Amino acid sequence: MWGDPGIAFAGRVPYWAPDPESLFMAGIDETRANAPETIVRDAALADAPAIARIGKVAIPDTYRDLIADESVLSAIVAQSYAVDALERCIDLCARKTTAEFLVAARGNSIVGFLHYDCEGPEPELHRIYVDPALKRHGIGSALIRELHRRLVAGASYTLMVVAANRPAISFYERHGLVEAARLDGVAYMQARMGVAFPPETPQVPALILRFEV
């Protein structure tokens, strides 16, 4: 594993995030106003199957029109969203003060997740995904706000995003991230995340975004 820069965090308590639609005046949209409250908390090993289910749907849903080579998506899903791989990742994050694996829950259902750690050359937000059926319900914002709440003053991190994924880039920009570099996403995931792709996999243009507290 890579070096640990040693960033500390504030106290770990569940973050309760009212959905934006719950702030609407009563009667405007009763269905949305009565939507379950979103709770963001630390992931548990028992959450791994639900996280795997979201990842296996969200990855193709997000990138099917952005990445032409299906082998790229297949490799990410197979290697990153196997239940045992997720359990190892959740366990590692739970044992470190410089890592976070968060889930967003509504009622008894996991509806989103976020994975951040300091195992590489610098802290990185590796993944944040929401159940595609519940996009634009404030769940992704609740997850990233809780991560930012836990970071101490002076902390920073990076993340990689596919350059063609304009909705994601706009989301991150709204939460304070700025472009820092451009590169090949396939080479980056091989070098930094350990994902193995078939030989001659085409490049995928990507951006590195940065956040500073």
N, C-alpha and C. Protein backbone atom coordinates (compact mmCIF):
# COMPACT_ATOMS: atom_id res chain seq x y z
N MET A 1 0.84 -1.19 0.00
CA MET A 1 0.00 0.00 0.00
C MET A 1 0.88 1.25 0.00
N TRP A 2 0.31 2.39 -0.40
CA TRP A 2 1.08 3.61 -0.48
C TRP A 2 1.16 4.30 0.87
N GLY A 3 2.00 5.34 0.94
CA GLY A 3 2.22 6.06 2.18
C GLY A 3 0.97 6.75 2.69
N ASP A 4 0.98 7.06 3.97
CA ASP A 4 -0.16 7.66 4.65
C ASP A 4 0.20 9.06 5.12
N PRO A 5 -0.41 10.13 4.52
CA PRO A 5 -0.06 11.49 4.91
C PRO A 5 -0.53 11.86 6.31
N GLY A 6 -1.43 11.07 6.88
CA GLY A 6 -1.80 11.29 8.28
C GLY A 6 -2.80 12.39 8.54
N ILE A 7 -3.75 12.60 7.64
CA ILE A 7 -4.79 13.59 7.90
C ILE A 7 -5.76 13.06 8.93
N ALA A 8 -6.14 13.89 9.89
CA ALA A 8 -7.08 13.50 10.94
C ALA A 8 -8.48 13.98 10.60
N PHE A 9 -9.44 13.46 11.36
CA PHE A 9 -10.83 13.77 11.10
C PHE A 9 -11.51 14.22 12.37
N ALA A 10 -12.64 14.91 12.16
CA ALA A 10 -13.50 15.28 13.28
C ALA A 10 -14.23 14.04 13.75
N GLY A 11 -15.06 14.16 14.80
CA GLY A 11 -15.79 13.02 15.36
C GLY A 11 -16.69 12.35 14.36
N ARG A 12 -16.85 11.05 14.49
CA ARG A 12 -17.64 10.26 13.56
C ARG A 12 -19.02 10.06 14.14
N VAL A 13 -19.97 10.84 13.68
CA VAL A 13 -21.35 10.67 14.10
C VAL A 13 -22.22 10.64 12.86
N PRO A 14 -23.34 9.91 12.88
CA PRO A 14 -24.20 9.89 11.69
C PRO A 14 -24.66 11.28 11.32
N TYR A 15 -24.72 11.54 10.03
CA TYR A 15 -25.14 12.84 9.52
C TYR A 15 -26.56 12.72 8.98
N TRP A 16 -27.45 13.50 9.53
CA TRP A 16 -28.84 13.47 9.11
C TRP A 16 -29.06 14.59 8.11
N ALA A 17 -29.47 14.24 6.88
CA ALA A 17 -29.58 15.22 5.82
C ALA A 17 -30.99 15.26 5.26
N PRO A 18 -31.79 16.25 5.64
CA PRO A 18 -33.12 16.34 5.04
C PRO A 18 -33.00 16.52 3.53
N ASP A 19 -33.82 15.82 2.77
CA ASP A 19 -33.79 15.98 1.33
C ASP A 19 -34.21 17.40 0.97
N PRO A 20 -33.61 17.97 -0.09
CA PRO A 20 -34.00 19.32 -0.49
C PRO A 20 -35.50 19.45 -0.73
N GLU A 21 -36.12 18.38 -1.28
CA GLU A 21 -37.53 18.47 -1.57
C GLU A 21 -38.38 18.55 -0.31
N SER A 22 -37.83 18.10 0.84
CA SER A 22 -38.62 18.17 2.06
C SER A 22 -38.78 19.59 2.54
N LEU A 23 -38.01 20.53 1.95
CA LEU A 23 -38.12 21.93 2.32
C LEU A 23 -39.20 22.65 1.53
N PHE A 24 -39.77 22.00 0.54
CA PHE A 24 -40.83 22.62 -0.25
C PHE A 24 -42.07 22.86 0.61
N MET A 25 -42.86 23.79 0.22
CA MET A 25 -44.11 24.05 0.92
C MET A 25 -45.01 22.83 0.86
N ALA A 26 -45.71 22.56 1.95
CA ALA A 26 -46.62 21.42 2.00
C ALA A 26 -47.65 21.55 0.89
N GLY A 27 -47.88 20.45 0.21
CA GLY A 27 -48.90 20.42 -0.83
C GLY A 27 -48.36 20.62 -2.23
N ILE A 28 -47.08 21.12 -2.38
CA ILE A 28 -46.54 21.31 -3.71
C ILE A 28 -46.25 19.97 -4.37
N ASP A 29 -45.62 19.09 -3.61
CA ASP A 29 -45.34 17.76 -4.13
C ASP A 29 -45.37 16.80 -2.95
N GLU A 30 -46.53 16.27 -2.63
CA GLU A 30 -46.71 15.48 -1.42
C GLU A 30 -45.84 14.23 -1.43
N THR A 31 -45.67 13.62 -2.59
CA THR A 31 -44.88 12.40 -2.67
C THR A 31 -43.44 12.67 -2.27
N ARG A 32 -42.85 13.71 -2.82
CA ARG A 32 -41.47 14.03 -2.50
C ARG A 32 -41.34 14.54 -1.07
N ALA A 33 -42.30 15.34 -0.65
CA ALA A 33 -42.21 15.89 0.70
C ALA A 33 -42.22 14.79 1.75
N ASN A 34 -42.84 13.66 1.43
CA ASN A 34 -42.93 12.56 2.37
C ASN A 34 -41.84 11.51 2.16
N ALA A 35 -40.84 11.84 1.33
CA ALA A 35 -39.75 10.89 1.08
C ALA A 35 -38.99 10.62 2.38
N PRO A 36 -38.49 9.40 2.57
CA PRO A 36 -37.75 9.07 3.80
C PRO A 36 -36.52 9.97 3.96
N GLU A 37 -36.16 10.21 5.19
CA GLU A 37 -34.97 11.00 5.49
C GLU A 37 -33.72 10.22 5.11
N THR A 38 -32.73 10.94 4.60
CA THR A 38 -31.45 10.32 4.24
C THR A 38 -30.49 10.40 5.42
N ILE A 39 -29.96 9.27 5.84
CA ILE A 39 -28.99 9.20 6.92
C ILE A 39 -27.66 8.76 6.33
N VAL A 40 -26.60 9.52 6.57
CA VAL A 40 -25.26 9.14 6.13
C VAL A 40 -24.49 8.65 7.35
N ARG A 41 -23.91 7.47 7.22
CA ARG A 41 -23.18 6.85 8.34
C ARG A 41 -22.00 6.06 7.80
N ASP A 42 -21.15 5.59 8.71
CA ASP A 42 -20.05 4.72 8.32
C ASP A 42 -20.59 3.39 7.80
N ALA A 43 -19.98 2.87 6.74
CA ALA A 43 -20.39 1.58 6.20
C ALA A 43 -20.02 0.46 7.16
N ALA A 44 -20.84 -0.58 7.20
CA ALA A 44 -20.57 -1.80 7.95
C ALA A 44 -20.36 -2.94 6.96
N LEU A 45 -19.71 -4.01 7.41
CA LEU A 45 -19.48 -5.15 6.53
C LEU A 45 -20.78 -5.68 5.95
N ALA A 46 -21.85 -5.62 6.73
CA ALA A 46 -23.14 -6.12 6.26
C ALA A 46 -23.72 -5.29 5.12
N ASP A 47 -23.16 -4.11 4.89
CA ASP A 47 -23.64 -3.25 3.80
C ASP A 47 -23.05 -3.64 2.45
N ALA A 48 -22.01 -4.48 2.44
CA ALA A 48 -21.29 -4.77 1.20
C ALA A 48 -22.19 -5.29 0.07
N PRO A 49 -23.11 -6.24 0.32
CA PRO A 49 -23.96 -6.69 -0.80
C PRO A 49 -24.81 -5.57 -1.40
N ALA A 50 -25.33 -4.67 -0.56
CA ALA A 50 -26.15 -3.57 -1.09
C ALA A 50 -25.28 -2.60 -1.88
N ILE A 51 -24.06 -2.34 -1.41
CA ILE A 51 -23.14 -1.47 -2.15
C ILE A 51 -22.80 -2.10 -3.49
N ALA A 52 -22.56 -3.40 -3.49
CA ALA A 52 -22.25 -4.11 -4.74
C ALA A 52 -23.39 -3.99 -5.73
N ARG A 53 -24.62 -4.14 -5.24
CA ARG A 53 -25.78 -4.03 -6.15
C ARG A 53 -25.86 -2.65 -6.79
N ILE A 54 -25.63 -1.60 -6.00
CA ILE A 54 -25.67 -0.25 -6.56
C ILE A 54 -24.55 -0.06 -7.56
N GLY A 55 -23.33 -0.47 -7.19
CA GLY A 55 -22.20 -0.28 -8.08
C GLY A 55 -22.37 -0.98 -9.41
N LYS A 56 -22.90 -2.20 -9.39
CA LYS A 56 -23.05 -2.97 -10.62
C LYS A 56 -24.10 -2.38 -11.55
N VAL A 57 -24.99 -1.57 -11.01
CA VAL A 57 -25.99 -0.88 -11.84
C VAL A 57 -25.52 0.53 -12.18
N ALA A 58 -24.94 1.23 -11.20
CA ALA A 58 -24.58 2.63 -11.39
C ALA A 58 -23.43 2.82 -12.37
N ILE A 59 -22.45 1.91 -12.35
CA ILE A 59 -21.31 2.07 -13.26
C ILE A 59 -21.77 2.03 -14.73
N PRO A 60 -22.47 0.98 -15.17
CA PRO A 60 -22.95 0.99 -16.57
C PRO A 60 -23.91 2.14 -16.85
N ASP A 61 -24.78 2.47 -15.89
CA ASP A 61 -25.74 3.55 -16.09
C ASP A 61 -25.03 4.88 -16.29
N THR A 62 -23.95 5.11 -15.57
CA THR A 62 -23.23 6.37 -15.64
C THR A 62 -22.40 6.49 -16.91
N TYR A 63 -21.76 5.40 -17.32
CA TYR A 63 -20.72 5.49 -18.34
C TYR A 63 -21.06 4.87 -19.68
N ARG A 64 -22.25 4.28 -19.82
CA ARG A 64 -22.51 3.55 -21.07
C ARG A 64 -22.45 4.45 -22.30
N ASP A 65 -22.77 5.74 -22.17
CA ASP A 65 -22.71 6.66 -23.31
C ASP A 65 -21.42 7.46 -23.34
N LEU A 66 -20.52 7.22 -22.37
CA LEU A 66 -19.29 8.01 -22.27
C LEU A 66 -18.05 7.19 -22.59
N ILE A 67 -18.10 5.88 -22.34
CA ILE A 67 -16.95 5.01 -22.59
C ILE A 67 -17.38 3.92 -23.56
N ALA A 68 -16.81 3.96 -24.77
CA ALA A 68 -17.27 3.05 -25.82
C ALA A 68 -16.83 1.61 -25.59
N ASP A 69 -15.69 1.41 -24.96
CA ASP A 69 -15.14 0.06 -24.76
C ASP A 69 -15.78 -0.57 -23.53
N GLU A 70 -16.64 -1.55 -23.75
CA GLU A 70 -17.35 -2.18 -22.65
C GLU A 70 -16.42 -2.95 -21.71
N SER A 71 -15.25 -3.34 -22.20
CA SER A 71 -14.33 -4.08 -21.34
C SER A 71 -13.84 -3.22 -20.19
N VAL A 72 -13.80 -1.90 -20.37
CA VAL A 72 -13.39 -1.00 -19.29
C VAL A 72 -14.39 -1.09 -18.15
N LEU A 73 -15.69 -0.99 -18.48
CA LEU A 73 -16.73 -1.05 -17.46
C LEU A 73 -16.78 -2.43 -16.80
N SER A 74 -16.64 -3.46 -17.61
CA SER A 74 -16.68 -4.82 -17.08
C SER A 74 -15.56 -5.05 -16.08
N ALA A 75 -14.36 -4.54 -16.38
CA ALA A 75 -13.22 -4.72 -15.49
C ALA A 75 -13.44 -3.98 -14.17
N ILE A 76 -13.97 -2.77 -14.24
CA ILE A 76 -14.22 -1.99 -13.02
C ILE A 76 -15.23 -2.69 -12.13
N VAL A 77 -16.33 -3.13 -12.73
CA VAL A 77 -17.39 -3.78 -11.95
C VAL A 77 -16.89 -5.09 -11.34
N ALA A 78 -16.23 -5.92 -12.15
CA ALA A 78 -15.80 -7.23 -11.67
C ALA A 78 -14.78 -7.13 -10.55
N GLN A 79 -13.85 -6.17 -10.66
CA GLN A 79 -12.76 -6.10 -9.69
C GLN A 79 -13.07 -5.21 -8.49
N SER A 80 -13.93 -4.22 -8.66
CA SER A 80 -14.18 -3.27 -7.57
C SER A 80 -15.47 -3.53 -6.82
N TYR A 81 -16.40 -4.31 -7.41
CA TYR A 81 -17.71 -4.46 -6.78
C TYR A 81 -18.06 -5.91 -6.46
N ALA A 82 -17.04 -6.76 -6.37
CA ALA A 82 -17.25 -8.08 -5.77
C ALA A 82 -17.46 -7.86 -4.27
N VAL A 83 -18.36 -8.62 -3.67
CA VAL A 83 -18.68 -8.41 -2.25
C VAL A 83 -17.46 -8.56 -1.37
N ASP A 84 -16.62 -9.55 -1.63
CA ASP A 84 -15.45 -9.74 -0.78
C ASP A 84 -14.47 -8.58 -0.90
N ALA A 85 -14.35 -8.01 -2.10
CA ALA A 85 -13.46 -6.85 -2.28
C ALA A 85 -14.00 -5.65 -1.51
N LEU A 86 -15.30 -5.46 -1.54
CA LEU A 86 -15.91 -4.37 -0.79
C LEU A 86 -15.77 -4.57 0.71
N GLU A 87 -15.92 -5.80 1.17
CA GLU A 87 -15.75 -6.07 2.61
C GLU A 87 -14.34 -5.73 3.06
N ARG A 88 -13.35 -6.09 2.25
CA ARG A 88 -11.96 -5.77 2.61
C ARG A 88 -11.76 -4.26 2.67
N CYS A 89 -12.35 -3.56 1.71
CA CYS A 89 -12.20 -2.10 1.66
C CYS A 89 -12.89 -1.44 2.86
N ILE A 90 -14.09 -1.87 3.18
CA ILE A 90 -14.83 -1.33 4.32
C ILE A 90 -14.06 -1.58 5.61
N ASP A 91 -13.52 -2.79 5.76
CA ASP A 91 -12.78 -3.13 6.97
C ASP A 91 -11.52 -2.27 7.10
N LEU A 92 -10.81 -2.08 6.00
CA LEU A 92 -9.60 -1.26 6.02
C LEU A 92 -9.93 0.17 6.40
N CYS A 93 -10.98 0.73 5.81
CA CYS A 93 -11.37 2.11 6.12
C CYS A 93 -11.78 2.25 7.59
N ALA A 94 -12.46 1.23 8.13
CA ALA A 94 -12.91 1.30 9.51
C ALA A 94 -11.74 1.30 10.49
N ARG A 95 -10.61 0.72 10.08
CA ARG A 95 -9.46 0.61 10.98
C ARG A 95 -8.50 1.78 10.86
N LYS A 96 -8.77 2.71 9.94
CA LYS A 96 -7.89 3.85 9.74
C LYS A 96 -8.60 5.15 10.07
N THR A 97 -7.85 6.10 10.62
CA THR A 97 -8.43 7.42 10.90
C THR A 97 -8.34 8.34 9.69
N THR A 98 -7.71 7.86 8.63
CA THR A 98 -7.51 8.69 7.44
C THR A 98 -8.31 8.15 6.25
N ALA A 99 -9.35 7.41 6.51
CA ALA A 99 -10.16 6.82 5.44
C ALA A 99 -11.63 6.87 5.83
N GLU A 100 -12.47 6.92 4.83
CA GLU A 100 -13.91 6.94 5.04
C GLU A 100 -14.61 6.06 4.01
N PHE A 101 -15.44 5.16 4.46
CA PHE A 101 -16.37 4.47 3.57
C PHE A 101 -17.75 4.75 4.15
N LEU A 102 -18.51 5.61 3.49
CA LEU A 102 -19.80 6.06 3.98
C LEU A 102 -20.92 5.48 3.14
N VAL A 103 -22.06 5.27 3.76
CA VAL A 103 -23.26 4.89 3.03
C VAL A 103 -24.37 5.88 3.35
N ALA A 104 -25.27 6.06 2.40
CA ALA A 104 -26.49 6.84 2.60
C ALA A 104 -27.64 5.85 2.69
N ALA A 105 -28.44 5.96 3.73
CA ALA A 105 -29.55 5.04 3.95
C ALA A 105 -30.87 5.80 4.00
N ARG A 106 -31.89 5.17 3.46
CA ARG A 106 -33.27 5.65 3.59
C ARG A 106 -34.09 4.49 4.12
N GLY A 107 -34.60 4.65 5.32
CA GLY A 107 -35.28 3.51 5.93
C GLY A 107 -34.30 2.37 6.10
N ASN A 108 -34.65 1.20 5.61
CA ASN A 108 -33.77 0.03 5.72
C ASN A 108 -32.94 -0.20 4.47
N SER A 109 -32.94 0.76 3.54
CA SER A 109 -32.26 0.56 2.26
C SER A 109 -31.02 1.44 2.13
N ILE A 110 -29.95 0.86 1.60
CA ILE A 110 -28.76 1.62 1.23
C ILE A 110 -29.02 2.21 -0.15
N VAL A 111 -28.86 3.52 -0.29
CA VAL A 111 -29.19 4.19 -1.55
C VAL A 111 -28.00 4.90 -2.18
N GLY A 112 -26.84 4.87 -1.52
CA GLY A 112 -25.66 5.50 -2.08
C GLY A 112 -24.45 5.20 -1.20
N PHE A 113 -23.26 5.50 -1.73
CA PHE A 113 -22.03 5.24 -0.96
C PHE A 113 -20.91 6.14 -1.45
N LEU A 114 -19.89 6.26 -0.60
CA LEU A 114 -18.70 7.08 -0.89
C LEU A 114 -17.49 6.40 -0.29
N HIS A 115 -16.39 6.41 -1.03
CA HIS A 115 -15.13 5.79 -0.54
C HIS A 115 -13.99 6.79 -0.73
N TYR A 116 -13.33 7.11 0.38
CA TYR A 116 -12.22 8.07 0.40
C TYR A 116 -11.09 7.47 1.24
N ASP A 117 -9.84 7.64 0.80
CA ASP A 117 -8.73 7.23 1.66
C ASP A 117 -7.46 8.00 1.31
N CYS A 118 -6.42 7.73 2.09
CA CYS A 118 -5.13 8.41 1.94
C CYS A 118 -4.03 7.42 1.59
N GLU A 119 -4.38 6.34 0.89
CA GLU A 119 -3.41 5.28 0.63
C GLU A 119 -2.48 5.61 -0.53
N GLY A 120 -2.83 6.54 -1.40
CA GLY A 120 -1.99 6.88 -2.54
C GLY A 120 -1.06 8.03 -2.23
N PRO A 121 -0.48 8.63 -3.27
CA PRO A 121 0.42 9.76 -3.07
C PRO A 121 -0.22 10.93 -2.35
N GLU A 122 -1.53 11.08 -2.48
CA GLU A 122 -2.26 12.10 -1.73
C GLU A 122 -3.69 11.60 -1.51
N PRO A 123 -4.41 12.18 -0.56
CA PRO A 123 -5.78 11.73 -0.28
C PRO A 123 -6.64 11.80 -1.54
N GLU A 124 -7.57 10.84 -1.66
CA GLU A 124 -8.37 10.76 -2.88
C GLU A 124 -9.78 10.27 -2.57
N LEU A 125 -10.75 10.90 -3.23
CA LEU A 125 -12.12 10.41 -3.23
C LEU A 125 -12.24 9.44 -4.40
N HIS A 126 -12.28 8.15 -4.10
CA HIS A 126 -12.22 7.14 -5.16
C HIS A 126 -13.56 6.94 -5.85
N ARG A 127 -14.65 6.99 -5.09
CA ARG A 127 -15.95 6.70 -5.71
C ARG A 127 -17.08 7.26 -4.86
N ILE A 128 -18.08 7.73 -5.57
CA ILE A 128 -19.32 8.18 -4.95
C ILE A 128 -20.44 7.90 -5.95
N TYR A 129 -21.36 7.01 -5.55
CA TYR A 129 -22.44 6.61 -6.45
C TYR A 129 -23.75 6.53 -5.68
N VAL A 130 -24.82 6.76 -6.42
CA VAL A 130 -26.18 6.73 -5.87
C VAL A 130 -27.01 5.77 -6.72
N ASP A 131 -27.95 5.10 -6.09
CA ASP A 131 -28.91 4.27 -6.83
C ASP A 131 -29.46 5.09 -7.99
N PRO A 132 -29.28 4.64 -9.24
CA PRO A 132 -29.74 5.44 -10.39
C PRO A 132 -31.21 5.83 -10.32
N ALA A 133 -32.03 5.04 -9.65
CA ALA A 133 -33.45 5.37 -9.54
C ALA A 133 -33.69 6.56 -8.62
N LEU A 134 -32.67 6.95 -7.86
CA LEU A 134 -32.84 8.03 -6.88
C LEU A 134 -31.88 9.20 -7.13
N LYS A 135 -31.42 9.35 -8.36
CA LYS A 135 -30.58 10.49 -8.69
C LYS A 135 -31.36 11.79 -8.50
N ARG A 136 -30.63 12.83 -8.19
CA ARG A 136 -31.18 14.18 -8.04
C ARG A 136 -32.18 14.28 -6.89
N HIS A 137 -31.93 13.49 -5.86
CA HIS A 137 -32.72 13.56 -4.63
C HIS A 137 -31.87 14.03 -3.45
N GLY A 138 -30.71 14.61 -3.73
CA GLY A 138 -29.87 15.14 -2.66
C GLY A 138 -28.99 14.13 -1.97
N ILE A 139 -28.97 12.88 -2.44
CA ILE A 139 -28.22 11.82 -1.76
C ILE A 139 -26.72 12.00 -1.95
N GLY A 140 -26.30 12.26 -3.19
CA GLY A 140 -24.87 12.49 -3.44
C GLY A 140 -24.36 13.69 -2.67
N SER A 141 -25.16 14.75 -2.61
CA SER A 141 -24.76 15.95 -1.87
C SER A 141 -24.63 15.65 -0.38
N ALA A 142 -25.54 14.84 0.16
CA ALA A 142 -25.46 14.47 1.58
C ALA A 142 -24.17 13.71 1.87
N LEU A 143 -23.78 12.82 0.97
CA LEU A 143 -22.55 12.04 1.16
C LEU A 143 -21.32 12.94 1.14
N ILE A 144 -21.22 13.81 0.14
CA ILE A 144 -20.00 14.61 0.02
C ILE A 144 -19.94 15.68 1.10
N ARG A 145 -21.09 16.18 1.54
CA ARG A 145 -21.09 17.15 2.65
C ARG A 145 -20.58 16.49 3.93
N GLU A 146 -20.98 15.24 4.15
CA GLU A 146 -20.51 14.57 5.36
C GLU A 146 -19.00 14.32 5.30
N LEU A 147 -18.48 13.95 4.14
CA LEU A 147 -17.04 13.81 4.01
C LEU A 147 -16.36 15.13 4.35
N HIS A 148 -16.84 16.23 3.76
CA HIS A 148 -16.22 17.53 3.99
C HIS A 148 -16.34 17.94 5.45
N ARG A 149 -17.42 17.56 6.12
CA ARG A 149 -17.58 17.88 7.53
C ARG A 149 -16.51 17.20 8.37
N ARG A 150 -16.09 16.01 7.95
CA ARG A 150 -15.11 15.24 8.73
C ARG A 150 -13.67 15.67 8.49
N LEU A 151 -13.41 16.34 7.38
CA LEU A 151 -12.04 16.77 7.09
C LEU A 151 -11.65 17.94 7.98
N VAL A 152 -10.40 17.96 8.41
CA VAL A 152 -9.92 19.05 9.26
C VAL A 152 -9.47 20.22 8.39
N ALA A 153 -9.34 21.38 9.01
CA ALA A 153 -8.88 22.58 8.30
C ALA A 153 -7.52 22.30 7.66
N GLY A 154 -7.38 22.73 6.42
CA GLY A 154 -6.13 22.54 5.70
C GLY A 154 -6.05 21.25 4.91
N ALA A 155 -7.02 20.35 5.09
CA ALA A 155 -7.01 19.09 4.35
C ALA A 155 -7.36 19.33 2.89
N SER A 156 -6.95 18.41 2.04
CA SER A 156 -7.29 18.47 0.62
C SER A 156 -7.36 17.05 0.07
N TYR A 157 -8.00 16.91 -1.09
CA TYR A 157 -8.02 15.61 -1.76
C TYR A 157 -8.25 15.81 -3.24
N THR A 158 -8.02 14.76 -4.02
CA THR A 158 -8.28 14.79 -5.45
C THR A 158 -9.29 13.70 -5.80
N LEU A 159 -9.82 13.77 -6.99
CA LEU A 159 -10.62 12.69 -7.56
C LEU A 159 -10.48 12.72 -9.07
N MET A 160 -10.72 11.59 -9.69
CA MET A 160 -10.71 11.50 -11.15
C MET A 160 -12.13 11.38 -11.66
N VAL A 161 -12.43 12.09 -12.74
CA VAL A 161 -13.75 12.02 -13.36
C VAL A 161 -13.56 12.00 -14.87
N VAL A 162 -14.36 11.19 -15.55
CA VAL A 162 -14.31 11.12 -17.02
C VAL A 162 -14.64 12.50 -17.59
N ALA A 163 -13.83 12.98 -18.51
CA ALA A 163 -13.97 14.35 -19.02
C ALA A 163 -15.32 14.59 -19.68
N ALA A 164 -15.91 13.54 -20.26
CA ALA A 164 -17.20 13.70 -20.93
C ALA A 164 -18.38 13.70 -19.96
N ASN A 165 -18.12 13.42 -18.69
CA ASN A 165 -19.20 13.32 -17.71
C ASN A 165 -19.50 14.70 -17.13
N ARG A 166 -20.13 15.55 -17.94
CA ARG A 166 -20.38 16.93 -17.53
C ARG A 166 -21.30 17.04 -16.31
N PRO A 167 -22.35 16.21 -16.18
CA PRO A 167 -23.17 16.32 -14.97
C PRO A 167 -22.37 16.09 -13.69
N ALA A 168 -21.46 15.10 -13.71
CA ALA A 168 -20.65 14.83 -12.53
C ALA A 168 -19.70 15.99 -12.25
N ILE A 169 -19.07 16.53 -13.30
CA ILE A 169 -18.15 17.65 -13.11
C ILE A 169 -18.88 18.85 -12.52
N SER A 170 -20.08 19.13 -13.02
CA SER A 170 -20.87 20.24 -12.47
C SER A 170 -21.21 20.00 -11.00
N PHE A 171 -21.55 18.75 -10.67
CA PHE A 171 -21.85 18.39 -9.27
C PHE A 171 -20.65 18.69 -8.38
N TYR A 172 -19.47 18.23 -8.80
CA TYR A 172 -18.28 18.44 -7.98
C TYR A 172 -17.93 19.92 -7.87
N GLU A 173 -18.10 20.64 -8.95
CA GLU A 173 -17.81 22.08 -8.91
C GLU A 173 -18.73 22.80 -7.93
N ARG A 174 -19.98 22.38 -7.86
CA ARG A 174 -20.91 22.99 -6.90
C ARG A 174 -20.46 22.74 -5.47
N HIS A 175 -19.71 21.66 -5.27
CA HIS A 175 -19.24 21.33 -3.93
C HIS A 175 -17.79 21.77 -3.70
N GLY A 176 -17.30 22.66 -4.55
CA GLY A 176 -16.03 23.32 -4.28
C GLY A 176 -14.80 22.74 -4.93
N LEU A 177 -14.94 21.72 -5.80
CA LEU A 177 -13.77 21.15 -6.46
C LEU A 177 -13.42 21.93 -7.72
N VAL A 178 -12.13 21.96 -8.06
CA VAL A 178 -11.67 22.67 -9.25
C VAL A 178 -10.74 21.76 -10.04
N GLU A 179 -10.67 22.01 -11.35
CA GLU A 179 -9.81 21.19 -12.21
C GLU A 179 -8.34 21.41 -11.89
N ALA A 180 -7.59 20.30 -11.80
CA ALA A 180 -6.17 20.38 -11.50
C ALA A 180 -5.30 19.79 -12.61
N ALA A 181 -5.83 18.82 -13.41
CA ALA A 181 -5.03 18.17 -14.44
C ALA A 181 -5.94 17.41 -15.39
N ARG A 182 -5.38 17.04 -16.55
CA ARG A 182 -6.07 16.18 -17.52
C ARG A 182 -5.16 15.00 -17.83
N LEU A 183 -5.76 13.80 -17.98
CA LEU A 183 -4.94 12.60 -18.19
C LEU A 183 -5.79 11.47 -18.77
N ASP A 184 -5.17 10.31 -18.96
CA ASP A 184 -5.86 9.10 -19.43
C ASP A 184 -6.42 8.36 -18.23
N GLY A 185 -7.74 8.21 -18.17
CA GLY A 185 -8.38 7.56 -17.04
C GLY A 185 -8.02 6.10 -16.89
N VAL A 186 -7.80 5.39 -17.99
CA VAL A 186 -7.45 3.97 -17.93
C VAL A 186 -6.09 3.79 -17.28
N ALA A 187 -5.10 4.55 -17.73
CA ALA A 187 -3.76 4.46 -17.15
C ALA A 187 -3.78 4.85 -15.67
N TYR A 188 -4.58 5.84 -15.34
CA TYR A 188 -4.67 6.30 -13.94
C TYR A 188 -5.24 5.21 -13.04
N MET A 189 -6.30 4.56 -13.50
CA MET A 189 -6.92 3.52 -12.67
C MET A 189 -6.02 2.30 -12.53
N GLN A 190 -5.25 2.01 -13.57
CA GLN A 190 -4.28 0.91 -13.46
C GLN A 190 -3.21 1.23 -12.43
N ALA A 191 -2.68 2.46 -12.49
CA ALA A 191 -1.55 2.83 -11.63
C ALA A 191 -1.96 3.13 -10.20
N ARG A 192 -3.13 3.77 -10.04
CA ARG A 192 -3.50 4.27 -8.71
C ARG A 192 -4.52 3.40 -7.99
N MET A 193 -5.32 2.64 -8.75
CA MET A 193 -6.39 1.87 -8.13
C MET A 193 -6.23 0.37 -8.32
N GLY A 194 -5.23 -0.03 -9.09
CA GLY A 194 -4.97 -1.45 -9.25
C GLY A 194 -5.95 -2.20 -10.12
N VAL A 195 -6.73 -1.48 -10.94
CA VAL A 195 -7.68 -2.13 -11.84
C VAL A 195 -6.94 -2.60 -13.09
N ALA A 196 -7.06 -3.87 -13.43
CA ALA A 196 -6.38 -4.43 -14.60
C ALA A 196 -7.32 -4.41 -15.81
N PHE A 197 -6.86 -3.84 -16.91
CA PHE A 197 -7.65 -3.77 -18.13
C PHE A 197 -7.01 -4.63 -19.22
N PRO A 198 -7.80 -5.07 -20.21
CA PRO A 198 -7.23 -5.86 -21.31
C PRO A 198 -6.17 -5.07 -22.06
N PRO A 199 -5.19 -5.76 -22.67
CA PRO A 199 -4.18 -5.07 -23.47
C PRO A 199 -4.84 -4.23 -24.57
N GLU A 200 -4.21 -3.15 -24.89
CA GLU A 200 -4.66 -2.26 -25.97
C GLU A 200 -6.01 -1.59 -25.66
N THR A 201 -6.37 -1.50 -24.39
CA THR A 201 -7.59 -0.77 -24.04
C THR A 201 -7.44 0.69 -24.44
N PRO A 202 -8.41 1.26 -25.18
CA PRO A 202 -8.28 2.66 -25.61
C PRO A 202 -8.24 3.62 -24.42
N GLN A 203 -7.61 4.75 -24.63
CA GLN A 203 -7.57 5.77 -23.60
C GLN A 203 -8.97 6.34 -23.34
N VAL A 204 -9.18 6.81 -22.11
CA VAL A 204 -10.41 7.49 -21.73
C VAL A 204 -10.01 8.84 -21.15
N PRO A 205 -10.24 9.94 -21.87
CA PRO A 205 -9.87 11.26 -21.35
C PRO A 205 -10.56 11.54 -20.01
N ALA A 206 -9.80 12.03 -19.05
CA ALA A 206 -10.32 12.26 -17.71
C ALA A 206 -9.71 13.52 -17.11
N LEU A 207 -10.35 14.01 -16.07
CA LEU A 207 -9.88 15.18 -15.33
C LEU A 207 -9.53 14.77 -13.91
N ILE A 208 -8.55 15.44 -13.33
CA ILE A 208 -8.30 15.37 -11.90
C ILE A 208 -8.85 16.66 -11.30
N LEU A 209 -9.77 16.52 -10.36
CA LEU A 209 -10.33 17.67 -9.63
C LEU A 209 -9.75 17.68 -8.23
N ARG A 210 -9.68 18.87 -7.64
CA ARG A 210 -9.10 19.01 -6.30
C ARG A 210 -10.03 19.79 -5.39
N PHE A 211 -10.07 19.36 -4.13
CA PHE A 211 -10.83 20.08 -3.10
C PHE A 211 -9.90 20.43 -1.97
N GLU A 212 -10.04 21.64 -1.44
CA GLU A 212 -9.26 22.07 -0.28
C GLU A 212 -10.22 22.65 0.75
N VAL A 213 -10.04 22.25 2.01
CA VAL A 213 -10.88 22.76 3.09
C VAL A 213 -10.53 24.23 3.35
